[in-house]
Structures are given as C-alpha cells and as structure tokens.
C-alpha cells in the first residue's frame, strides 16, 4: 500500500495553523487514514471525523478538497457524537 501524499491549502497553512497552534498535521493525516465517519459536502469538499487519543480522545474534524488529500481545515468537533 503506497503512502498517500498530502498537501495543504494556503488557508490551512496561514489561517488554521496560526489560529489553532495546538493542531498537528499528523493528527489530520491519521484521521483521514482511519476515519470514524466520512461525509461529502455539497461543494465537493470532504469531511472526516476521527479520535485523537493524545487529546483525551476528542473528535477531530478534518476537511479536505475533493481529492481527499489536500487538507483545508481542521478543528475539534465538540458536537460530534458516535
């Protein structure tokens, strides 16, 4: 299984990581590779939810572009329930 190559939008690099400096890119990639749930948005972007065990098992929502490898946004989703 060939490792996926991930990239990041300018918005993610310049806004998301600046505002949420606790986020780790590795967490985002882990969620995409092992999602609890995946949902396509009307605009073609894709939402992935997963657990970050290092942060008390909080649910991280990662949003990618339609290619599923360009990470655009990520945040802890307090409202997500299994």
Protein backbone atom coordinates (compact mmCIF):
# COMPACT_ATOMS: atom_id res chain seq x y z
CA UNK A 1 0.00 0.00 0.00
CA UNK A 2 1.66 3.19 -1.24
CA UNK A 3 1.72 6.03 1.27
CA UNK A 4 -0.56 8.89 0.31
CA UNK A 5 0.98 12.27 -0.35
CA UNK A 6 -0.85 15.02 1.49
CA UNK A 7 -0.77 18.73 0.82
CA UNK A 8 -2.31 21.77 2.48
CA UNK A 9 -4.23 24.77 1.21
CA UNK A 10 -2.89 28.25 1.86
CA UNK A 11 -5.87 28.79 4.13
CA UNK A 12 -4.86 25.80 6.27
CA UNK A 13 -1.18 26.81 6.42
CA UNK A 14 -1.76 30.53 7.03
CA UNK A 15 -5.03 30.71 8.98
CA UNK A 16 -5.91 27.38 10.58
CA UNK A 17 -2.46 26.52 11.94
CA UNK A 18 -1.95 30.11 13.10
CA UNK A 19 -5.29 30.27 14.96
CA UNK A 20 -5.10 26.70 16.29
CA UNK A 21 -1.42 26.31 17.05
CA UNK A 22 -2.09 23.13 19.03
CA UNK A 23 -3.07 21.24 15.86
CA UNK A 24 -0.66 18.71 14.44
CA UNK A 25 -0.63 17.81 10.75
CA UNK A 26 -0.02 14.20 11.76
CA UNK A 27 -3.36 14.12 13.59
CA UNK A 28 -5.12 15.31 10.43
CA UNK A 29 -3.47 12.62 8.34
CA UNK A 30 -4.27 9.94 10.96
CA UNK A 31 -7.96 10.95 10.87
CA UNK A 32 -8.07 10.79 7.05
CA UNK A 33 -6.41 7.36 7.07
CA UNK A 34 -8.61 5.96 9.87
CA UNK A 35 -11.88 7.89 9.89
CA UNK A 36 -14.87 7.07 12.07
CA UNK A 37 -17.08 8.83 9.54
CA UNK A 38 -16.65 10.41 6.09
CA UNK A 39 -19.14 12.79 4.53
CA UNK A 40 -19.02 14.66 1.22
CA UNK A 41 -20.20 18.27 1.34
CA UNK A 42 -22.33 19.86 -1.38
CA UNK A 43 -19.32 21.89 -2.55
CA UNK A 44 -17.25 18.74 -3.15
CA UNK A 45 -15.11 19.06 -0.06
CA UNK A 46 -14.92 16.01 2.18
CA UNK A 47 -15.27 15.88 5.97
CA UNK A 48 -13.50 13.22 8.01
CA UNK A 49 -14.02 12.63 11.73
CA UNK A 50 -11.66 10.70 13.96
CA UNK A 51 -10.43 10.43 17.53
CA UNK A 52 -7.17 11.99 18.72
CA UNK A 53 -6.15 9.76 21.61
CA UNK A 54 -3.41 12.18 22.68
CA UNK A 55 -6.05 14.83 23.45
CA UNK A 56 -8.39 12.92 25.79
CA UNK A 57 -9.99 11.16 22.84
CA UNK A 58 -11.50 14.32 21.36
CA UNK A 59 -13.04 14.14 17.91
CA UNK A 60 -11.12 15.97 15.21
CA UNK A 61 -12.95 17.04 12.05
CA UNK A 62 -10.69 17.38 9.02
CA UNK A 63 -11.96 18.95 5.79
CA UNK A 64 -10.18 18.22 2.53
CA UNK A 65 -10.69 19.33 -1.02
CA UNK A 66 -12.45 16.82 -3.30
CA UNK A 67 -9.14 14.97 -3.92
CA UNK A 68 -9.23 13.83 -0.26
CA UNK A 69 -5.51 14.59 0.09
CA UNK A 70 -5.42 18.40 0.22
CA UNK A 71 -6.18 19.42 3.80
CA UNK A 72 -8.16 22.65 4.04
CA UNK A 73 -9.47 22.88 7.60
CA UNK A 74 -9.36 21.02 10.92
CA UNK A 75 -10.84 21.57 14.35
CA UNK A 76 -12.02 19.67 17.39
CA UNK A 77 -15.72 18.98 16.88
CA UNK A 78 -17.36 19.24 20.30
CA UNK A 79 -20.77 18.44 18.85
CA UNK A 80 -19.79 15.17 17.18
CA UNK A 81 -21.29 12.01 18.65
CA UNK A 82 -20.70 8.43 17.55
